[in-house]
C-alpha atoms as a PDB file:
ATOM      1  CA  UNK A   1      51.834  30.130  63.291  1.00  0.00           C
ATOM      2  CA  UNK A   2      55.101  29.274  61.518  1.00  0.00           C
ATOM      3  CA  UNK A   3      56.499  31.102  58.508  1.00  0.00           C
ATOM      4  CA  UNK A   4      55.918  28.077  56.274  1.00  0.00           C
ATOM      5  CA  UNK A   5      52.271  27.908  57.362  1.00  0.00           C
ATOM      6  CA  UNK A   6      51.813  31.595  56.555  1.00  0.00           C
ATOM      7  CA  UNK A   7      53.434  31.095  53.154  1.00  0.00           C
ATOM      8  CA  UNK A   8      51.110  28.167  52.460  1.00  0.00           C
ATOM      9  CA  UNK A   9      48.065  30.256  53.389  1.00  0.00           C
ATOM     10  CA  UNK A  10      49.173  33.063  51.077  1.00  0.00           C
ATOM     11  CA  UNK A  11      49.390  30.579  48.240  1.00  0.00           C
ATOM     12  CA  UNK A  12      46.027  29.076  49.140  1.00  0.00           C
ATOM     13  CA  UNK A  13      44.240  32.436  49.191  1.00  0.00           C
ATOM     14  CA  UNK A  14      46.113  34.126  46.331  1.00  0.00           C
ATOM     15  CA  UNK A  15      43.093  33.900  44.017  1.00  0.00           C
ATOM     16  CA  UNK A  16      40.361  33.987  46.665  1.00  0.00           C
ATOM     17  CA  UNK A  17      37.973  36.833  47.408  1.00  0.00           C
ATOM     18  CA  UNK A  18      38.638  39.174  50.343  1.00  0.00           C
ATOM     19  CA  UNK A  19      35.588  37.866  52.150  1.00  0.00           C
ATOM     20  CA  UNK A  20      36.973  34.322  51.913  1.00  0.00           C
ATOM     21  CA  UNK A  21      40.124  35.503  53.672  1.00  0.00           C
ATOM     22  CA  UNK A  22      38.061  37.322  56.303  1.00  0.00           C
ATOM     23  CA  UNK A  23      35.944  34.227  56.892  1.00  0.00           C
ATOM     24  CA  UNK A  24      39.055  32.096  57.351  1.00  0.00           C
ATOM     25  CA  UNK A  25      40.532  34.651  59.754  1.00  0.00           C
ATOM     26  CA  UNK A  26      37.396  34.904  61.899  1.00  0.00           C
ATOM     27  CA  UNK A  27      36.886  31.142  62.012  1.00  0.00           C
ATOM     28  CA  UNK A  28      40.510  30.357  62.921  1.00  0.00           C
ATOM     29  CA  UNK A  29      41.236  32.884  65.681  1.00  0.00           C
ATOM     30  CA  UNK A  30      39.468  33.189  69.019  1.00  0.00           C
ATOM     31  CA  UNK A  31      40.611  36.780  69.534  1.00  0.00           C
ATOM     32  CA  UNK A  32      40.527  38.736  66.287  1.00  0.00           C
ATOM     33  CA  UNK A  33      39.402  42.246  65.385  1.00  0.00           C
ATOM     34  CA  UNK A  34      38.798  44.369  62.312  1.00  0.00           C
ATOM     35  CA  UNK A  35      40.658  47.667  62.187  1.00  0.00           C
ATOM     36  CA  UNK A  36      38.409  50.408  60.804  1.00  0.00           C
ATOM     37  CA  UNK A  37      40.017  53.780  60.075  1.00  0.00           C
ATOM     38  CA  UNK A  38      37.028  55.744  58.925  1.00  0.00           C
ATOM     39  CA  UNK A  39      38.065  55.635  55.277  1.00  0.00           C
ATOM     40  CA  UNK A  40      37.338  53.227  52.433  1.00  0.00           C
ATOM     41  CA  UNK A  41      38.273  50.211  54.525  1.00  0.00           C
ATOM     42  CA  UNK A  42      34.659  50.329  55.702  1.00  0.00           C
ATOM     43  CA  UNK A  43      34.142  47.503  53.216  1.00  0.00           C
ATOM     44  CA  UNK A  44      35.995  45.278  55.692  1.00  0.00           C
ATOM     45  CA  UNK A  45      33.221  46.050  58.174  1.00  0.00           C
ATOM     46  CA  UNK A  46      30.590  45.296  55.546  1.00  0.00           C
ATOM     47  CA  UNK A  47      32.138  41.918  54.726  1.00  0.00           C
ATOM     48  CA  UNK A  48      32.949  40.942  58.308  1.00  0.00           C
ATOM     49  CA  UNK A  49      29.564  41.646  59.886  1.00  0.00           C
ATOM     50  CA  UNK A  50      27.885  39.563  57.185  1.00  0.00           C
ATOM     51  CA  UNK A  51      30.048  36.655  58.317  1.00  0.00           C
ATOM     52  CA  UNK A  52      29.818  37.323  62.056  1.00  0.00           C
ATOM     53  CA  UNK A  53      27.494  40.114  63.291  1.00  0.00           C
ATOM     54  CA  UNK A  54      29.363  40.112  66.608  1.00  0.00           C
ATOM     55  CA  UNK A  55      32.860  40.463  65.170  1.00  0.00           C
ATOM     56  CA  UNK A  56      35.148  42.794  67.133  1.00  0.00           C
ATOM     57  CA  UNK A  57      35.583  46.100  65.271  1.00  0.00           C
ATOM     58  CA  UNK A  58      37.804  48.880  66.537  1.00  0.00           C
ATOM     59  CA  UNK A  59      38.951  52.329  65.467  1.00  0.00           C
ATOM     60  CA  UNK A  60      41.461  54.865  66.739  1.00  0.00           C
ATOM     61  CA  UNK A  61      40.222  58.295  67.775  1.00  0.00           C
ATOM     62  CA  UNK A  62      43.307  60.495  67.822  1.00  0.00           C
ATOM     63  CA  UNK A  63      41.372  63.552  68.937  1.00  0.00           C
ATOM     64  CA  UNK A  64      42.373  65.294  65.691  1.00  0.00           C
ATOM     65  CA  UNK A  65      40.039  63.697  63.142  1.00  0.00           C
ATOM     66  CA  UNK A  66      37.854  65.677  60.745  1.00  0.00           C
ATOM     67  CA  UNK A  67      34.258  66.313  61.887  1.00  0.00           C
ATOM     68  CA  UNK A  68      33.155  64.309  58.849  1.00  0.00           C
ATOM     69  CA  UNK A  69      35.147  61.312  60.057  1.00  0.00           C
ATOM     70  CA  UNK A  70      33.526  61.346  63.491  1.00  0.00           C
ATOM     71  CA  UNK A  71      30.123  61.607  61.822  1.00  0.00           C
ATOM     72  CA  UNK A  72      31.024  58.744  59.512  1.00  0.00           C
ATOM     73  CA  UNK A  73      32.084  56.440  62.346  1.00  0.00           C
ATOM     74  CA  UNK A  74      28.699  57.027  63.990  1.00  0.00           C
ATOM     75  CA  UNK A  75      26.937  56.466  60.669  1.00  0.00           C
ATOM     76  CA  UNK A  76      28.676  53.097  60.269  1.00  0.00           C
ATOM     77  CA  UNK A  77      27.781  52.113  63.838  1.00  0.00           C
ATOM     78  CA  UNK A  78      24.099  52.786  63.202  1.00  0.00           C
ATOM     79  CA  UNK A  79      24.025  51.408  59.654  1.00  0.00           C
ATOM     80  CA  UNK A  80      25.290  47.990  60.734  1.00  0.00           C
ATOM     81  CA  UNK A  81      23.858  48.122  64.261  1.00  0.00           C
ATOM     82  CA  UNK A  82      27.244  47.236  65.708  1.00  0.00           C
ATOM     83  CA  UNK A  83      29.481  48.175  68.606  1.00  0.00           C
ATOM     84  CA  UNK A  84      32.700  49.921  67.605  1.00  0.00           C
ATOM     85  CA  UNK A  85      35.531  49.819  70.113  1.00  0.00           C
ATOM     86  CA  UNK A  86      36.846  53.401  69.940  1.00  0.00           C
ATOM     87  CA  UNK A  87      40.391  53.583  71.296  1.00  0.00           C
ATOM     88  CA  UNK A  88      41.776  56.945  72.456  1.00  0.00           C
ATOM     89  CA  UNK A  89      45.227  58.205  73.543  1.00  0.00           C
ATOM     90  CA  UNK A  90      46.368  57.858  77.140  1.00  0.00           C
ATOM     91  CA  UNK A  91      45.332  61.225  78.542  1.00  0.00           C
ATOM     92  CA  UNK A  92      48.288  61.863  80.861  1.00  0.00           C
ATOM     93  CA  UNK A  93      50.793  61.081  78.099  1.00  0.00           C
ATOM     94  CA  UNK A  94      48.887  63.204  75.589  1.00  0.00           C
ATOM     95  CA  UNK A  95      48.666  66.156  77.974  1.00  0.00           C
ATOM     96  CA  UNK A  96      52.398  66.010  78.660  1.00  0.00           C
ATOM     97  CA  UNK A  97      53.162  65.819  74.940  1.00  0.00           C
ATOM     98  CA  UNK A  98      50.962  68.795  74.033  1.00  0.00           C
ATOM     99  CA  UNK A  99      52.301  70.807  76.969  1.00  0.00           C
ATOM    100  CA  UNK A 100      55.859  70.255  75.815  1.00  0.00           C
ATOM    101  CA  UNK A 101      55.512  70.305  72.020  1.00  0.00           C
ATOM    102  CA  UNK A 102      52.276  72.185  71.301  1.00  0.00           C
ATOM    103  CA  UNK A 103      49.582  71.108  68.870  1.00  0.00           C
ATOM    104  CA  UNK A 104      51.480  71.274  65.576  1.00  0.00           C
ATOM    105  CA  UNK A 105      55.020  70.088  66.293  1.00  0.00           C
ATOM    106  CA  UNK A 106      54.793  67.527  63.472  1.00  0.00           C
ATOM    107  CA  UNK A 107      55.203  70.264  60.861  1.00  0.00           C
ATOM    108  CA  UNK A 108      58.673  70.921  62.293  1.00  0.00           C
ATOM    109  CA  UNK A 109      60.040  67.569  63.456  1.00  0.00           C
ATOM    110  CA  UNK A 110      57.954  64.954  61.652  1.00  0.00           C
ATOM    111  CA  UNK A 111      54.754  63.109  62.431  1.00  0.00           C
ATOM    112  CA  UNK A 112      56.181  60.039  64.153  1.00  0.00           C
ATOM    113  CA  UNK A 113      56.143  61.355  67.725  1.00  0.00           C
ATOM    114  CA  UNK A 114      52.599  62.689  67.551  1.00  0.00           C
ATOM    115  CA  UNK A 115      51.370  59.495  65.854  1.00  0.00           C
ATOM    116  CA  UNK A 116      53.166  57.525  68.540  1.00  0.00           C
ATOM    117  CA  UNK A 117      51.119  59.164  71.265  1.00  0.00           C
ATOM    118  CA  UNK A 118      47.807  59.437  69.441  1.00  0.00           C
ATOM    119  CA  UNK A 119      47.804  56.211  67.403  1.00  0.00           C
ATOM    120  CA  UNK A 120      50.536  53.724  68.190  1.00  0.00           C
ATOM    121  CA  UNK A 121      50.100  53.400  71.950  1.00  0.00           C
ATOM    122  CA  UNK A 122      46.291  52.953  71.730  1.00  0.00           C
ATOM    123  CA  UNK A 123      46.768  50.427  68.934  1.00  0.00           C
ATOM    124  CA  UNK A 124      49.452  48.545  70.859  1.00  0.00           C
ATOM    125  CA  UNK A 125      47.141  48.323  73.870  1.00  0.00           C
ATOM    126  CA  UNK A 126      44.350  46.903  71.713  1.00  0.00           C
ATOM    127  CA  UNK A 127      46.554  44.374  69.935  1.00  0.00           C
ATOM    128  CA  UNK A 128      47.834  42.900  73.201  1.00  0.00           C
ATOM    129  CA  UNK A 129      44.302  41.483  73.579  1.00  0.00           C
ATOM    130  CA  UNK A 130      44.339  39.754  70.178  1.00  0.00           C
ATOM    131  CA  UNK A 131      45.742  36.798  68.281  1.00  0.00           C
ATOM    132  CA  UNK A 132      45.146  38.441  64.900  1.00  0.00           C
ATOM    133  CA  UNK A 133      43.788  41.579  63.277  1.00  0.00           C
ATOM    134  CA  UNK A 134      42.341  42.497  59.898  1.00  0.00           C
ATOM    135  CA  UNK A 135      43.424  45.671  58.110  1.00  0.00           C
ATOM    136  CA  UNK A 136      42.536  47.534  54.920  1.00  0.00           C
ATOM    137  CA  UNK A 137      46.070  47.798  53.556  1.00  0.00           C
ATOM    138  CA  UNK A 138      46.366  47.722  49.764  1.00  0.00           C
ATOM    139  CA  UNK A 139      49.491  47.512  47.627  1.00  0.00           C
ATOM    140  CA  UNK A 140      48.391  50.454  45.483  1.00  0.00           C
ATOM    141  CA  UNK A 141      48.084  52.801  48.473  1.00  0.00           C
ATOM    142  CA  UNK A 142      51.766  53.621  48.841  1.00  0.00           C
ATOM    143  CA  UNK A 143      54.458  52.681  46.308  1.00  0.00           C
ATOM    144  CA  UNK A 144      57.152  53.398  48.877  1.00  0.00           C
ATOM    145  CA  UNK A 145      55.935  51.205  51.724  1.00  0.00           C
ATOM    146  CA  UNK A 146      53.028  48.951  50.737  1.00  0.00           C
ATOM    147  CA  UNK A 147      53.905  47.550  47.320  1.00  0.00           C
ATOM    148  CA  UNK A 148      54.820  44.163  48.829  1.00  0.00           C
ATOM    149  CA  UNK A 149      52.012  43.799  51.360  1.00  0.00           C
ATOM    150  CA  UNK A 150      51.028  40.149  51.759  1.00  0.00           C
ATOM    151  CA  UNK A 151      47.506  38.841  52.214  1.00  0.00           C
ATOM    152  CA  UNK A 152      48.568  37.167  55.464  1.00  0.00           C
ATOM    153  CA  UNK A 153      51.664  37.949  57.491  1.00  0.00           C
ATOM    154  CA  UNK A 154      53.159  37.863  60.946  1.00  0.00           C
ATOM    155  CA  UNK A 155      53.049  41.305  62.508  1.00  0.00           C
ATOM    156  CA  UNK A 156      56.640  42.094  63.399  1.00  0.00           C
ATOM    157  CA  UNK A 157      55.881  45.574  64.744  1.00  0.00           C
ATOM    158  CA  UNK A 158      53.449  44.626  67.517  1.00  0.00           C
ATOM    159  CA  UNK A 159      52.783  41.821  69.965  1.00  0.00           C
ATOM    160  CA  UNK A 160      49.509  40.044  70.562  1.00  0.00           C
ATOM    161  CA  UNK A 161      48.379  38.064  73.554  1.00  0.00           C
ATOM    162  CA  UNK A 162      50.390  35.028  72.445  1.00  0.00           C
ATOM    163  CA  UNK A 163      53.757  34.354  70.862  1.00  0.00           C
ATOM    164  CA  UNK A 164      52.736  35.634  67.442  1.00  0.00           C
ATOM    165  CA  UNK A 165      50.310  38.212  66.106  1.00  0.00           C
ATOM    166  CA  UNK A 166      48.896  37.528  62.641  1.00  0.00           C
ATOM    167  CA  UNK A 167      47.844  40.357  60.356  1.00  0.00           C
ATOM    168  CA  UNK A 168      45.347  39.786  57.552  1.00  0.00           C
ATOM    169  CA  UNK A 169      45.240  42.213  54.620  1.00  0.00           C
ATOM    170  CA  UNK A 170      42.323  40.896  52.525  1.00  0.00           C
ATOM    171  CA  UNK A 171      42.353  43.901  50.178  1.00  0.00           C
ATOM    172  CA  UNK A 172      46.091  43.741  49.445  1.00  0.00           C
ATOM    173  CA  UNK A 173      45.554  42.903  45.772  1.00  0.00           C
ATOM    174  CA  UNK A 174      42.618  45.254  45.230  1.00  0.00           C
ATOM    175  CA  UNK A 175      42.854  48.617  43.509  1.00  0.00           C
ATOM    176  CA  UNK A 176      41.114  51.778  44.640  1.00  0.00           C
ATOM    177  CA  UNK A 177      38.724  51.341  41.692  1.00  0.00           C
ATOM    178  CA  UNK A 178      37.696  47.887  42.946  1.00  0.00           C
ATOM    179  CA  UNK A 179      37.088  49.263  46.421  1.00  0.00           C
ATOM    180  CA  UNK A 180      34.758  51.951  45.092  1.00  0.00           C
ATOM    181  CA  UNK A 181      32.998  49.503  42.807  1.00  0.00           C
ATOM    182  CA  UNK A 182      32.182  47.422  45.897  1.00  0.00           C
ATOM    183  CA  UNK A 183      31.034  50.492  47.853  1.00  0.00           C
ATOM    184  CA  UNK A 184      28.637  51.493  45.070  1.00  0.00           C
ATOM    185  CA  UNK A 185      27.414  47.967  44.325  1.00  0.00           C
ATOM    186  CA  UNK A 186      26.512  47.163  47.944  1.00  0.00           C
ATOM    187  CA  UNK A 187      25.505  50.689  48.985  1.00  0.00           C
ATOM    188  CA  UNK A 188      28.190  50.849  51.667  1.00  0.00           C
ATOM    189  CA  UNK A 189      28.353  54.110  53.650  1.00  0.00           C
ATOM    190  CA  UNK A 190      31.443  56.227  53.086  1.00  0.00           C
ATOM    191  CA  UNK A 191      33.143  59.310  54.477  1.00  0.00           C
ATOM    192  CA  UNK A 192      31.803  62.553  52.947  1.00  0.00           C
ATOM    193  CA  UNK A 193      35.389  63.799  52.634  1.00  0.00           C
ATOM    194  CA  UNK A 194      35.777  61.481  49.653  1.00  0.00           C
ATOM    195  CA  UNK A 195      33.371  63.764  47.777  1.00  0.00           C
ATOM    196  CA  UNK A 196      35.624  66.730  48.544  1.00  0.00           C
ATOM    197  CA  UNK A 197      38.773  65.398  46.916  1.00  0.00           C
ATOM    198  CA  UNK A 198      40.154  63.467  49.895  1.00  0.00           C
ATOM    199  CA  UNK A 199      41.347  59.977  49.008  1.00  0.00           C
ATOM    200  CA  UNK A 200      43.534  58.866  51.924  1.00  0.00           C
ATOM    201  CA  UNK A 201      42.027  60.197  55.152  1.00  0.00           C
ATOM    202  CA  UNK A 202      43.834  60.638  58.457  1.00  0.00           C
ATOM    203  CA  UNK A 203      43.996  63.406  61.044  1.00  0.00           C
ATOM    204  CA  UNK A 204      42.720  66.827  59.990  1.00  0.00           C
ATOM    205  CA  UNK A 205      46.044  68.730  60.244  1.00  0.00           C
ATOM    206  CA  UNK A 206      47.904  66.030  58.316  1.00  0.00           C
ATOM    207  CA  UNK A 207      45.441  65.333  55.507  1.00  0.00           C
ATOM    208  CA  UNK A 208      44.496  67.356  52.459  1.00  0.00           C
ATOM    209  CA  UNK A 209      42.635  66.794  49.230  1.00  0.00           C
ATOM    210  CA  UNK A 210      44.641  65.585  46.248  1.00  0.00           C
ATOM    211  CA  UNK A 211      44.669  67.004  42.749  1.00  0.00           C
ATOM    212  CA  UNK A 212      43.809  64.983  39.632  1.00  0.00           C
ATOM    213  CA  UNK A 213      46.531  62.418  38.827  1.00  0.00           C
ATOM    214  CA  UNK A 214      48.195  62.828  42.220  1.00  0.00           C
ATOM    215  CA  UNK A 215      48.757  59.608  44.150  1.00  0.00           C
ATOM    216  CA  UNK A 216      46.473  59.291  47.182  1.00  0.00           C
ATOM    217  CA  UNK A 217      49.342  59.309  49.693  1.00  0.00           C
ATOM    218  CA  UNK A 218      50.380  62.758  48.476  1.00  0.00           C
ATOM    219  CA  UNK A 219      47.509  64.043  50.567  1.00  0.00           C
ATOM    220  CA  UNK A 220      49.109  62.700  53.756  1.00  0.00           C
ATOM    221  CA  UNK A 221      52.061  64.358  55.547  1.00  0.00           C
ATOM    222  CA  UNK A 222      52.795  66.238  52.315  1.00  0.00           C
ATOM    223  CA  UNK A 223      55.759  68.046  53.888  1.00  0.00           C
ATOM    224  CA  UNK A 224      57.680  64.770  54.294  1.00  0.00           C
ATOM    225  CA  UNK A 225      59.348  62.324  51.901  1.00  0.00           C
ATOM    226  CA  UNK A 226      57.065  59.767  50.272  1.00  0.00           C
ATOM    227  CA  UNK A 227      59.128  56.866  51.605  1.00  0.00           C
ATOM    228  CA  UNK A 228      58.282  57.877  55.183  1.00  0.00           C
ATOM    229  CA  UNK A 229      54.510  58.026  54.801  1.00  0.00           C
ATOM    230  CA  UNK A 230      53.525  55.473  57.417  1.00  0.00           C
ATOM    231  CA  UNK A 231      52.184  56.598  60.785  1.00  0.00           C
ATOM    232  CA  UNK A 232      53.462  53.481  62.523  1.00  0.00           C
ATOM    233  CA  UNK A 233      50.299  51.379  62.432  1.00  0.00           C
ATOM    234  CA  UNK A 234      51.986  49.351  59.700  1.00  0.00           C
ATOM    235  CA  UNK A 235      55.588  50.083  60.646  1.00  0.00           C
ATOM    236  CA  UNK A 236      56.628  46.627  59.509  1.00  0.00           C
ATOM    237  CA  UNK A 237      56.288  47.874  55.929  1.00  0.00           C
ATOM    238  CA  UNK A 238      59.253  50.164  56.521  1.00  0.00           C
ATOM    239  CA  UNK A 239      61.172  47.882  58.875  1.00  0.00           C
ATOM    240  CA  UNK A 240      61.097  45.020  56.395  1.00  0.00           C
ATOM    241  CA  UNK A 241      62.748  47.224  53.776  1.00  0.00           C
ATOM    242  CA  UNK A 242      65.528  48.297  56.123  1.00  0.00           C
END
């Protein structure tokens, strides 16, 4: 897909509903998957399975998620009666990393290396099977890295099975309030951690509850600068600003 075609699609879907974008994505790509992180992007699953009950849905199990997140993933699987492709780290690489760096090296030298082993490699392996993927990125999630997220874009950080990999971000224009309005309106299951003050949910050692009026990303990698708060799944957000 050319840049001008992507630009035209963004214009076409600027005022459309997220489910309209998801429908277009599913109908126009033979190999496409929904990325489900175990947080509020579960509404992508809700919308997608109503369009295609057999849509490919995947999640990344880093081995360091909260118990509530594992329980939630299973709850979603049963609620929608779907198969979730759970991707895990390459065991040999993970064992070597932990042997060399221990279990909490990210507090000392940053989260990128650990995320690279536990998230990026499994994601890269999954994306090589696809022509496009659907994510739950929103512009209001991170002022430093996601404020310019497009509805539809070429993924410059990863490669698919063809020449280009297209990334769809149907919720790009939505606010957190809109997400929760949808969850309540359609009785969508959600992670119990949200009831305990967690807004943005990742791995257990790198996620904490936020205080009133704190931005949601302040609960992630709180020991690092706000401008660096991407694990690498959406590295293009940072690369594009370089």
